[in-house]
Full PDB file with SEQRES, HELIX, SHEET, SSBOND, CRYST1, ORIGX, SCALE, CONECT and MASTER records, all heavy atoms in Angstrom:
SEQRES   1 A   37  LEU CYS GLU THR ALA PHE VAL ALA ARG GLY GLY GLU GLY          
SEQRES   2 A   37  GLY ALA ALA ASP GLY ASP LEU ASP VAL LEU ALA ALA ARG          
SEQRES   3 A   37  TRP PRO ALA TRP HIS SER ARG LEU ALA ASP PHE                  
HELIX    1 AA1 ASP A   19  ARG A   26  1                                   8    
HELIX    2 AA2 TRP A   30  ASP A   36  1                                   7    
CRYST1    1.000    1.000    1.000  90.00  90.00  90.00 P 1           1          
ORIGX1      1.000000  0.000000  0.000000        0.00000                         
ORIGX2      0.000000  1.000000  0.000000        0.00000                         
ORIGX3      0.000000  0.000000  1.000000        0.00000                         
SCALE1      1.000000  0.000000  0.000000        0.00000                         
SCALE2      0.000000  1.000000  0.000000        0.00000                         
SCALE3      0.000000  0.000000  1.000000        0.00000                         
ATOM      1  N   LEU A   1      63.107 103.953 141.241  1.00  0.00           N  
ATOM      2  CA  LEU A   1      63.286 103.134 142.441  1.00  0.00           C  
ATOM      3  C   LEU A   1      64.768 103.081 142.770  1.00  0.00           C  
ATOM      4  O   LEU A   1      65.607 102.771 141.901  1.00  0.00           O  
ATOM      5  CB  LEU A   1      62.770 101.728 142.218  1.00  0.00           C  
ATOM      6  CG  LEU A   1      63.071 100.727 143.336  1.00  0.00           C  
ATOM      7  CD1 LEU A   1      62.260 101.022 144.574  1.00  0.00           C  
ATOM      8  CD2 LEU A   1      62.849  99.294 142.852  1.00  0.00           C  
ATOM      9  N   CYS A   2      65.130 103.391 143.989  1.00  0.00           N  
ATOM     10  CA  CYS A   2      66.486 103.180 144.462  1.00  0.00           C  
ATOM     11  C   CYS A   2      66.490 101.820 145.131  1.00  0.00           C  
ATOM     12  O   CYS A   2      66.219 101.721 146.345  1.00  0.00           O  
ATOM     13  CB  CYS A   2      66.941 104.264 145.425  1.00  0.00           C  
ATOM     14  SG  CYS A   2      68.623 104.060 146.035  1.00  0.00           S  
ATOM     15  N   GLU A   3      66.793 100.799 144.363  1.00  0.00           N  
ATOM     16  CA  GLU A   3      66.698  99.414 144.896  1.00  0.00           C  
ATOM     17  C   GLU A   3      67.798  99.021 145.861  1.00  0.00           C  
ATOM     18  O   GLU A   3      67.783  97.961 146.444  1.00  0.00           O  
ATOM     19  CB  GLU A   3      66.589  98.405 143.758  1.00  0.00           C  
ATOM     20  CG  GLU A   3      67.861  98.300 142.861  1.00  0.00           C  
ATOM     21  CD  GLU A   3      67.785  99.232 141.671  1.00  0.00           C  
ATOM     22  OE1 GLU A   3      67.911 100.464 141.880  1.00  0.00           O  
ATOM     23  OE2 GLU A   3      67.627  98.755 140.542  1.00  0.00           O  
ATOM     24  N   THR A   4      68.769  99.939 146.041  1.00  0.00           N  
ATOM     25  CA  THR A   4      69.864  99.657 146.936  1.00  0.00           C  
ATOM     26  C   THR A   4      69.650 100.237 148.335  1.00  0.00           C  
ATOM     27  O   THR A   4      70.527 100.196 149.191  1.00  0.00           O  
ATOM     28  CB  THR A   4      71.208 100.208 146.369  1.00  0.00           C  
ATOM     29  OG1 THR A   4      71.024 101.602 146.121  1.00  0.00           O  
ATOM     30  CG2 THR A   4      71.547  99.501 145.080  1.00  0.00           C  
ATOM     31  N   ALA A   5      68.472 100.801 148.591  1.00  0.00           N  
ATOM     32  CA  ALA A   5      68.151 101.390 149.890  1.00  0.00           C  
ATOM     33  C   ALA A   5      66.806 100.918 150.380  1.00  0.00           C  
ATOM     34  O   ALA A   5      65.924 100.553 149.593  1.00  0.00           O  
ATOM     35  CB  ALA A   5      68.153 102.930 149.809  1.00  0.00           C  
ATOM     36  N   PHE A   6      66.610 100.963 151.693  1.00  0.00           N  
ATOM     37  CA  PHE A   6      65.340 100.508 152.314  1.00  0.00           C  
ATOM     38  C   PHE A   6      65.014 101.442 153.457  1.00  0.00           C  
ATOM     39  O   PHE A   6      65.839 101.757 154.317  1.00  0.00           O  
ATOM     40  CB  PHE A   6      65.487  99.088 152.787  1.00  0.00           C  
ATOM     41  CG  PHE A   6      64.147  98.383 153.063  1.00  0.00           C  
ATOM     42  CD1 PHE A   6      63.736  97.405 152.189  1.00  0.00           C  
ATOM     43  CD2 PHE A   6      63.375  98.659 154.158  1.00  0.00           C  
ATOM     44  CE1 PHE A   6      62.501  96.712 152.393  1.00  0.00           C  
ATOM     45  CE2 PHE A   6      62.193  98.016 154.393  1.00  0.00           C  
ATOM     46  CZ  PHE A   6      61.748  97.045 153.493  1.00  0.00           C  
ATOM     47  N   VAL A   7      63.736 101.858 153.527  1.00  0.00           N  
ATOM     48  CA  VAL A   7      63.208 102.646 154.631  1.00  0.00           C  
ATOM     49  C   VAL A   7      61.918 101.974 155.076  1.00  0.00           C  
ATOM     50  O   VAL A   7      60.978 101.848 154.301  1.00  0.00           O  
ATOM     51  CB  VAL A   7      62.956 104.116 154.241  1.00  0.00           C  
ATOM     52  CG1 VAL A   7      62.215 104.851 155.351  1.00  0.00           C  
ATOM     53  CG2 VAL A   7      64.291 104.801 153.928  1.00  0.00           C  
ATOM     54  N   ALA A   8      61.898 101.542 156.334  1.00  0.00           N  
ATOM     55  CA  ALA A   8      60.701 100.856 156.858  1.00  0.00           C  
ATOM     56  C   ALA A   8      59.652 101.846 157.314  1.00  0.00           C  
ATOM     57  O   ALA A   8      59.938 103.016 157.552  1.00  0.00           O  
ATOM     58  CB  ALA A   8      61.117  99.927 158.022  1.00  0.00           C  
ATOM     59  N   ARG A   9      58.421 101.346 157.406  1.00  0.00           N  
ATOM     60  CA  ARG A   9      57.302 102.185 157.852  1.00  0.00           C  
ATOM     61  C   ARG A   9      56.191 101.293 158.441  1.00  0.00           C  
ATOM     62  O   ARG A   9      56.000 100.183 157.968  1.00  0.00           O  
ATOM     63  CB  ARG A   9      56.775 103.034 156.709  1.00  0.00           C  
ATOM     64  CG  ARG A   9      55.892 104.201 157.137  1.00  0.00           C  
ATOM     65  CD  ARG A   9      55.489 105.051 155.935  1.00  0.00           C  
ATOM     66  NE  ARG A   9      54.849 106.274 156.405  1.00  0.00           N  
ATOM     67  CZ  ARG A   9      54.334 107.185 155.584  1.00  0.00           C  
ATOM     68  NH1 ARG A   9      54.377 107.013 154.258  1.00  0.00           N  
ATOM     69  NH2 ARG A   9      53.766 108.281 156.070  1.00  0.00           N  
ATOM     70  N   GLY A  10      55.436 101.835 159.399  1.00  0.00           N  
ATOM     71  CA  GLY A  10      54.359 101.061 159.980  1.00  0.00           C  
ATOM     72  C   GLY A  10      53.145 100.938 159.104  1.00  0.00           C  
ATOM     73  O   GLY A  10      52.389  99.958 159.194  1.00  0.00           O  
ATOM     74  N   GLY A  11      52.919 101.871 158.210  1.00  0.00           N  
ATOM     75  CA  GLY A  11      51.753 101.845 157.277  1.00  0.00           C  
ATOM     76  C   GLY A  11      51.974 102.844 156.182  1.00  0.00           C  
ATOM     77  O   GLY A  11      52.964 103.609 156.173  1.00  0.00           O  
ATOM     78  N   GLU A  12      51.075 102.836 155.224  1.00  0.00           N  
ATOM     79  CA  GLU A  12      51.181 103.747 154.064  1.00  0.00           C  
ATOM     80  C   GLU A  12      50.742 105.151 154.445  1.00  0.00           C  
ATOM     81  O   GLU A  12      49.967 105.357 155.371  1.00  0.00           O  
ATOM     82  CB  GLU A  12      50.371 103.223 152.879  1.00  0.00           C  
ATOM     83  CG  GLU A  12      50.853 101.870 152.362  1.00  0.00           C  
ATOM     84  CD  GLU A  12      49.938 101.325 151.270  1.00  0.00           C  
ATOM     85  OE1 GLU A  12      48.828 101.845 151.098  1.00  0.00           O  
ATOM     86  OE2 GLU A  12      50.390 100.379 150.592  1.00  0.00           O  
ATOM     87  N   GLY A  13      51.177 106.127 153.643  1.00  0.00           N  
ATOM     88  CA  GLY A  13      50.718 107.483 153.792  1.00  0.00           C  
ATOM     89  C   GLY A  13      49.290 107.629 153.256  1.00  0.00           C  
ATOM     90  O   GLY A  13      48.710 106.674 152.708  1.00  0.00           O  
ATOM     91  N   GLY A  14      48.762 108.830 153.376  1.00  0.00           N  
ATOM     92  CA  GLY A  14      47.401 109.034 152.884  1.00  0.00           C  
ATOM     93  C   GLY A  14      47.164 110.481 152.461  1.00  0.00           C  
ATOM     94  O   GLY A  14      47.923 111.404 152.888  1.00  0.00           O  
ATOM     95  N   ALA A  15      46.156 110.674 151.650  1.00  0.00           N  
ATOM     96  CA  ALA A  15      45.841 111.974 151.136  1.00  0.00           C  
ATOM     97  C   ALA A  15      44.790 112.682 151.994  1.00  0.00           C  
ATOM     98  O   ALA A  15      44.020 112.046 152.713  1.00  0.00           O  
ATOM     99  CB  ALA A  15      45.326 111.870 149.692  1.00  0.00           C  
ATOM    100  N   ALA A  16      44.784 114.015 151.901  1.00  0.00           N  
ATOM    101  CA  ALA A  16      43.786 114.792 152.612  1.00  0.00           C  
ATOM    102  C   ALA A  16      42.468 114.703 151.806  1.00  0.00           C  
ATOM    103  O   ALA A  16      42.439 114.309 150.637  1.00  0.00           O  
ATOM    104  CB  ALA A  16      44.223 116.236 152.743  1.00  0.00           C  
ATOM    105  N   ASP A  17      41.358 115.049 152.441  1.00  0.00           N  
ATOM    106  CA  ASP A  17      40.034 115.023 151.767  1.00  0.00           C  
ATOM    107  C   ASP A  17      40.082 115.884 150.474  1.00  0.00           C  
ATOM    108  O   ASP A  17      40.522 117.023 150.509  1.00  0.00           O  
ATOM    109  CB  ASP A  17      38.965 115.589 152.704  1.00  0.00           C  
ATOM    110  CG  ASP A  17      38.634 114.650 153.854  1.00  0.00           C  
ATOM    111  OD1 ASP A  17      39.035 113.469 153.763  1.00  0.00           O  
ATOM    112  OD2 ASP A  17      37.978 115.098 154.812  1.00  0.00           O  
ATOM    113  N   GLY A  18      39.651 115.285 149.405  1.00  0.00           N  
ATOM    114  CA  GLY A  18      39.600 115.976 148.135  1.00  0.00           C  
ATOM    115  C   GLY A  18      40.843 115.904 147.308  1.00  0.00           C  
ATOM    116  O   GLY A  18      40.790 116.174 146.086  1.00  0.00           O  
ATOM    117  N   ASP A  19      41.982 115.508 147.908  1.00  0.00           N  
ATOM    118  CA  ASP A  19      43.259 115.511 147.157  1.00  0.00           C  
ATOM    119  C   ASP A  19      43.250 114.502 146.035  1.00  0.00           C  
ATOM    120  O   ASP A  19      43.736 114.808 144.908  1.00  0.00           O  
ATOM    121  CB  ASP A  19      44.424 115.174 148.097  1.00  0.00           C  
ATOM    122  CG  ASP A  19      44.903 116.399 148.868  1.00  0.00           C  
ATOM    123  OD1 ASP A  19      44.329 117.502 148.668  1.00  0.00           O  
ATOM    124  OD2 ASP A  19      45.855 116.283 149.670  1.00  0.00           O  
ATOM    125  N   LEU A  20      42.687 113.313 146.256  1.00  0.00           N  
ATOM    126  CA  LEU A  20      42.679 112.282 145.194  1.00  0.00           C  
ATOM    127  C   LEU A  20      41.766 112.727 144.059  1.00  0.00           C  
ATOM    128  O   LEU A  20      42.030 112.401 142.899  1.00  0.00           O  
ATOM    129  CB  LEU A  20      42.258 110.956 145.754  1.00  0.00           C  
ATOM    130  CG  LEU A  20      43.211 110.342 146.784  1.00  0.00           C  
ATOM    131  CD1 LEU A  20      42.735 108.989 147.271  1.00  0.00           C  
ATOM    132  CD2 LEU A  20      44.638 110.200 146.217  1.00  0.00           C  
ATOM    133  N   ASP A  21      40.687 113.441 144.360  1.00  0.00           N  
ATOM    134  CA  ASP A  21      39.828 113.938 143.276  1.00  0.00           C  
ATOM    135  C   ASP A  21      40.576 114.941 142.423  1.00  0.00           C  
ATOM    136  O   ASP A  21      40.423 114.949 141.165  1.00  0.00           O  
ATOM    137  CB  ASP A  21      38.590 114.612 143.894  1.00  0.00           C  
ATOM    138  CG  ASP A  21      37.681 113.620 144.580  1.00  0.00           C  
ATOM    139  OD1 ASP A  21      37.728 112.427 144.196  1.00  0.00           O  
ATOM    140  OD2 ASP A  21      36.964 114.032 145.506  1.00  0.00           O  
ATOM    141  N   VAL A  22      41.397 115.811 143.023  1.00  0.00           N  
ATOM    142  CA  VAL A  22      42.192 116.781 142.272  1.00  0.00           C  
ATOM    143  C   VAL A  22      43.186 116.007 141.392  1.00  0.00           C  
ATOM    144  O   VAL A  22      43.375 116.389 140.201  1.00  0.00           O  
ATOM    145  CB  VAL A  22      42.878 117.756 143.215  1.00  0.00           C  
ATOM    146  CG1 VAL A  22      43.783 118.706 142.433  1.00  0.00           C  
ATOM    147  CG2 VAL A  22      41.871 118.564 143.994  1.00  0.00           C  
ATOM    148  N   LEU A  23      43.857 115.030 141.970  1.00  0.00           N  
ATOM    149  CA  LEU A  23      44.807 114.243 141.151  1.00  0.00           C  
ATOM    150  C   LEU A  23      44.141 113.616 139.970  1.00  0.00           C  
ATOM    151  O   LEU A  23      44.659 113.645 138.823  1.00  0.00           O  
ATOM    152  CB  LEU A  23      45.447 113.161 142.027  1.00  0.00           C  
ATOM    153  CG  LEU A  23      46.660 113.506 142.878  1.00  0.00           C  
ATOM    154  CD1 LEU A  23      47.046 112.328 143.725  1.00  0.00           C  
ATOM    155  CD2 LEU A  23      47.813 114.008 142.044  1.00  0.00           C  
ATOM    156  N   ALA A  24      42.931 113.037 140.181  1.00  0.00           N  
ATOM    157  CA  ALA A  24      42.225 112.369 139.080  1.00  0.00           C  
ATOM    158  C   ALA A  24      41.819 113.342 138.015  1.00  0.00           C  
ATOM    159  O   ALA A  24      41.851 113.012 136.815  1.00  0.00           O  
ATOM    160  CB  ALA A  24      41.009 111.661 139.636  1.00  0.00           C  
ATOM    161  N   ALA A  25      41.448 114.533 138.413  1.00  0.00           N  
ATOM    162  CA  ALA A  25      41.014 115.567 137.419  1.00  0.00           C  
ATOM    163  C   ALA A  25      42.200 116.107 136.639  1.00  0.00           C  
ATOM    164  O   ALA A  25      42.114 116.335 135.439  1.00  0.00           O  
ATOM    165  CB  ALA A  25      40.301 116.686 138.129  1.00  0.00           C  
ATOM    166  N   ARG A  26      43.317 116.300 137.352  1.00  0.00           N  
ATOM    167  CA  ARG A  26      44.501 116.892 136.680  1.00  0.00           C  
ATOM    168  C   ARG A  26      45.241 115.835 135.874  1.00  0.00           C  
ATOM    169  O   ARG A  26      45.786 116.191 134.808  1.00  0.00           O  
ATOM    170  CB  ARG A  26      45.432 117.479 137.749  1.00  0.00           C  
ATOM    171  CG  ARG A  26      46.718 118.065 137.153  1.00  0.00           C  
ATOM    172  CD  ARG A  26      47.490 118.795 138.221  1.00  0.00           C  
ATOM    173  NE  ARG A  26      46.760 119.968 138.739  1.00  0.00           N  
ATOM    174  CZ  ARG A  26      47.201 120.722 139.723  1.00  0.00           C  
ATOM    175  NH1 ARG A  26      48.354 120.459 140.325  1.00  0.00           N  
ATOM    176  NH2 ARG A  26      46.504 121.776 140.106  1.00  0.00           N  
ATOM    177  N   TRP A  27      45.265 114.594 136.377  1.00  0.00           N  
ATOM    178  CA  TRP A  27      45.989 113.532 135.682  1.00  0.00           C  
ATOM    179  C   TRP A  27      45.024 112.370 135.416  1.00  0.00           C  
ATOM    180  O   TRP A  27      45.050 111.392 136.123  1.00  0.00           O  
ATOM    181  CB  TRP A  27      47.185 113.063 136.539  1.00  0.00           C  
ATOM    182  CG  TRP A  27      48.117 114.168 136.949  1.00  0.00           C  
ATOM    183  CD1 TRP A  27      48.164 114.825 138.147  1.00  0.00           C  
ATOM    184  CD2 TRP A  27      49.139 114.744 136.137  1.00  0.00           C  
ATOM    185  NE1 TRP A  27      49.120 115.771 138.161  1.00  0.00           N  
ATOM    186  CE2 TRP A  27      49.759 115.752 136.932  1.00  0.00           C  
ATOM    187  CE3 TRP A  27      49.595 114.552 134.846  1.00  0.00           C  
ATOM    188  CZ2 TRP A  27      50.799 116.537 136.464  1.00  0.00           C  
ATOM    189  CZ3 TRP A  27      50.649 115.304 134.371  1.00  0.00           C  
ATOM    190  CH2 TRP A  27      51.248 116.282 135.178  1.00  0.00           C  
ATOM    191  N   PRO A  28      44.193 112.493 134.362  1.00  0.00           N  
ATOM    192  CA  PRO A  28      43.139 111.475 134.148  1.00  0.00           C  
ATOM    193  C   PRO A  28      43.675 110.081 133.898  1.00  0.00           C  
ATOM    194  O   PRO A  28      42.999 109.095 134.144  1.00  0.00           O  
ATOM    195  CB  PRO A  28      42.388 111.980 132.926  1.00  0.00           C  
ATOM    196  CG  PRO A  28      43.052 113.244 132.494  1.00  0.00           C  
ATOM    197  CD  PRO A  28      44.101 113.621 133.444  1.00  0.00           C  
ATOM    198  N   ALA A  29      44.956 109.960 133.439  1.00  0.00           N  
ATOM    199  CA  ALA A  29      45.497 108.650 133.173  1.00  0.00           C  
ATOM    200  C   ALA A  29      46.241 108.066 134.389  1.00  0.00           C  
ATOM    201  O   ALA A  29      46.707 106.920 134.307  1.00  0.00           O  
ATOM    202  CB  ALA A  29      46.474 108.721 131.981  1.00  0.00           C  
ATOM    203  N   TRP A  30      46.306 108.819 135.465  1.00  0.00           N  
ATOM    204  CA  TRP A  30      47.116 108.425 136.608  1.00  0.00           C  
ATOM    205  C   TRP A  30      46.638 107.104 137.235  1.00  0.00           C  
ATOM    206  O   TRP A  30      47.437 106.167 137.450  1.00  0.00           O  
ATOM    207  CB  TRP A  30      47.179 109.532 137.654  1.00  0.00           C  
ATOM    208  CG  TRP A  30      47.487 109.083 139.028  1.00  0.00           C  
ATOM    209  CD1 TRP A  30      46.735 109.171 140.120  1.00  0.00           C  
ATOM    210  CD2 TRP A  30      48.739 108.453 139.452  1.00  0.00           C  
ATOM    211  NE1 TRP A  30      47.391 108.656 141.211  1.00  0.00           N  
ATOM    212  CE2 TRP A  30      48.616 108.228 140.817  1.00  0.00           C  
ATOM    213  CE3 TRP A  30      49.909 108.103 138.826  1.00  0.00           C  
ATOM    214  CZ2 TRP A  30      49.621 107.618 141.563  1.00  0.00           C  
ATOM    215  CZ3 TRP A  30      50.908 107.498 139.557  1.00  0.00           C  
ATOM    216  CH2 TRP A  30      50.774 107.249 140.912  1.00  0.00           C  
ATOM    217  N   HIS A  31      45.356 106.997 137.551  1.00  0.00           N  
ATOM    218  CA  HIS A  31      44.860 105.828 138.239  1.00  0.00           C  
ATOM    219  C   HIS A  31      44.994 104.565 137.355  1.00  0.00           C  
ATOM    220  O   HIS A  31      45.354 103.494 137.846  1.00  0.00           O  
ATOM    221  CB  HIS A  31      43.393 106.030 138.686  1.00  0.00           C  
ATOM    222  CG  HIS A  31      43.279 106.993 139.804  1.00  0.00           C  
ATOM    223  ND1 HIS A  31      43.793 106.746 141.055  1.00  0.00           N  
ATOM    224  CD2 HIS A  31      42.683 108.202 139.882  1.00  0.00           C  
ATOM    225  CE1 HIS A  31      43.529 107.782 141.847  1.00  0.00           C  
ATOM    226  NE2 HIS A  31      42.839 108.669 141.156  1.00  0.00           N  
ATOM    227  N   SER A  32      44.712 104.698 136.058  1.00  0.00           N  
ATOM    228  CA  SER A  32      44.841 103.530 135.166  1.00  0.00           C  
ATOM    229  C   SER A  32      46.341 103.143 135.030  1.00  0.00           C  
ATOM    230  O   SER A  32      46.659 101.959 134.922  1.00  0.00           O  
ATOM    231  CB  SER A  32      44.238 103.850 133.807  1.00  0.00           C  
ATOM    232  OG  SER A  32      44.858 104.936 133.199  1.00  0.00           O  
ATOM    233  N   ARG A  33      47.235 104.160 135.017  1.00  0.00           N  
ATOM    234  CA  ARG A  33      48.649 103.848 134.918  1.00  0.00           C  
ATOM    235  C   ARG A  33      49.133 103.090 136.151  1.00  0.00           C  
ATOM    236  O   ARG A  33      49.877 102.127 136.059  1.00  0.00           O  
ATOM    237  CB  ARG A  33      49.421 105.145 134.738  1.00  0.00           C  
ATOM    238  CG  ARG A  33      50.935 104.937 134.620  1.00  0.00           C  
ATOM    239  CD  ARG A  33      51.658 106.282 134.558  1.00  0.00           C  
ATOM    240  NE  ARG A  33      53.096 106.108 134.575  1.00  0.00           N  
ATOM    241  CZ  ARG A  33      53.950 107.033 134.904  1.00  0.00           C  
ATOM    242  NH1 ARG A  33      53.535 108.217 135.256  1.00  0.00           N  
ATOM    243  NH2 ARG A  33      55.251 106.799 134.884  1.00  0.00           N  
ATOM    244  N   LEU A  34      48.663 103.539 137.334  1.00  0.00           N  
ATOM    245  CA  LEU A  34      49.048 102.869 138.583  1.00  0.00           C  
ATOM    246  C   LEU A  34      48.470 101.464 138.596  1.00  0.00           C  
ATOM    247  O   LEU A  34      49.174 100.505 138.979  1.00  0.00           O  
ATOM    248  CB  LEU A  34      48.543 103.683 139.753  1.00  0.00           C  
ATOM    249  CG  LEU A  34      48.869 103.112 141.134  1.00  0.00           C  
ATOM    250  CD1 LEU A  34      50.347 102.957 141.351  1.00  0.00           C  
ATOM    251  CD2 LEU A  34      48.245 103.978 142.269  1.00  0.00           C  
ATOM    252  N   ALA A  35      47.235 101.316 138.191  1.00  0.00           N  
ATOM    253  CA  ALA A  35      46.605  99.968 138.182  1.00  0.00           C  
ATOM    254  C   ALA A  35      47.355  99.052 137.225  1.00  0.00           C  
ATOM    255  O   ALA A  35      47.585  97.852 137.513  1.00  0.00           O  
ATOM    256  CB  ALA A  35      45.136 100.080 137.777  1.00  0.00           C  
ATOM    257  N   ASP A  36      47.763  99.564 136.073  1.00  0.00           N  
ATOM    258  CA  ASP A  36      48.486  98.773 135.115  1.00  0.00           C  
ATOM    259  C   ASP A  36      49.844  98.330 135.689  1.00  0.00           C  
ATOM    260  O   ASP A  36      50.280  97.188 135.526  1.00  0.00           O  
ATOM    261  CB  ASP A  36      48.719  99.566 133.805  1.00  0.00           C  
ATOM    262  CG  ASP A  36      49.491  98.786 132.773  1.00  0.00           C  
ATOM    263  OD1 ASP A  36      48.964  97.766 132.273  1.00  0.00           O  
ATOM    264  OD2 ASP A  36      50.646  99.162 132.471  1.00  0.00           O  
ATOM    265  N   PHE A  37      50.489  99.250 136.410  1.00  0.00           N  
ATOM    266  CA  PHE A  37      51.784  98.911 137.069  1.00  0.00           C  
ATOM    267  C   PHE A  37      51.564  97.773 138.075  1.00  0.00           C  
ATOM    268  O   PHE A  37      52.358  96.830 138.145  1.00  0.00           O  
ATOM    269  CB  PHE A  37      52.321 100.173 137.749  1.00  0.00           C  
ATOM    270  CG  PHE A  37      53.670  99.984 138.361  1.00  0.00           C  
ATOM    271  CD1 PHE A  37      54.809 100.347 137.642  1.00  0.00           C  
ATOM    272  CD2 PHE A  37      53.849  99.533 139.635  1.00  0.00           C  
ATOM    273  CE1 PHE A  37      56.080 100.180 138.175  1.00  0.00           C  
ATOM    274  CE2 PHE A  37      55.082  99.375 140.201  1.00  0.00           C  
ATOM    275  CZ  PHE A  37      56.217  99.701 139.480  1.00  0.00           C  
TER     276      PHE A  37                                                      
MASTER        0    0    0    2    0    0    0    6  275    1    0    3          
END                                                                             
């Protein structure tokens, strides 16, 4: 995190269809790590 800078945005980004499934398969600990954070 660069806590000394700020960039505003109207909303969050998003993944294309199937991208999150690929992330989950390649990085099985990713979703639990994000949830823990």
